[in-house]
Amino acid sequence: MKTTRLTSIIACAALSASAMLCGCSSSSRTQISGEGPIETRDTVIDSFKSLTVSSGVNVTFTASAAGSKPTAHISAPATLMPYLVMEVKDGSLTVGLENSHNYRRTNRINISLSAPMPGTLTATSGAGLDIACSYPVDTLTLHCTSGADIDIPSINCVAISAHCTSGADIDINNLSADAATLHCTSGADIDVTCTGVTSLDASATSGAGIDIAGKVEALICSATSGASIDASKVDKNALVKKDISKNSAGSVKL
């Protein structure tokens, strides 16, 4: 009995110490606010094949000719500039803020980035990513999560795949593609207007929503678990084939 009680005391002490350490770690994180004057900076960065934007940072990406050198124009509060991260590792460019502090008003960080079009673009943690591309693209993959936004005014590609989750939002206008795949979940939203898409496969679940408009030849839609797909603005004259499925309170309009 004494051994059991002693073991319990030791376990409780360990848990208390752990909780104190966690509390100290959390409270020791410096609060840094993006107030005050704006600084600007221009830089040349290494080539990359994928881009990830996070930490509430706003990035305007403009696709440049193949082989051109990536460049960036940075506009940010002087208080946040020292903590800004733009790092290329293993062919992937990460843009965000150091995770050793807590930040406020990070939406005042604006970066104009010019580079050849990468194959994968990701926005997360409240970031904003605007993409301008006047060049034909082979394959493009989009990931948007945790309240982030991706906006593409116009894109011409062979194949595009867009994945959106956790309250994030993807808007694509003037989409031209042989194949498009849209997957949306957990309260996220995807809006797509097609100028000419041969085949489009859309799936939504867990309260997410997808809106599709324009010219699509073959359309596959699947909505489940309170999700909805609105394809009522798809050009019926262009639509040749359709496959609609829904269950678990899912909704599809065509």
Foldseek 3Di string as FASTA:
>chain_A
DVVVVVVVVVVVVVVVVVVVVVVCLVVPAAEFEQDDDKDKDKDWDQAAQEEEEAAQAEEEEEADDPPDTKMKMKIGRPRQVVFWDFDADPRYTYTHGDPRHHYHPNNRIYMYMYYHHHQEYEYEHNYEYEYEYPDEEEHHEYEYEHAYEYEYQAYHYAEYEYEYEHQYEYEEEAYHYAEYEYEYEHQYEYEYEYQYYAEYAYEYEHQYEYEYAEAYAEYEYEYAHNYEYEDVRHDPVRHNYYHYYYDHNYYYHD
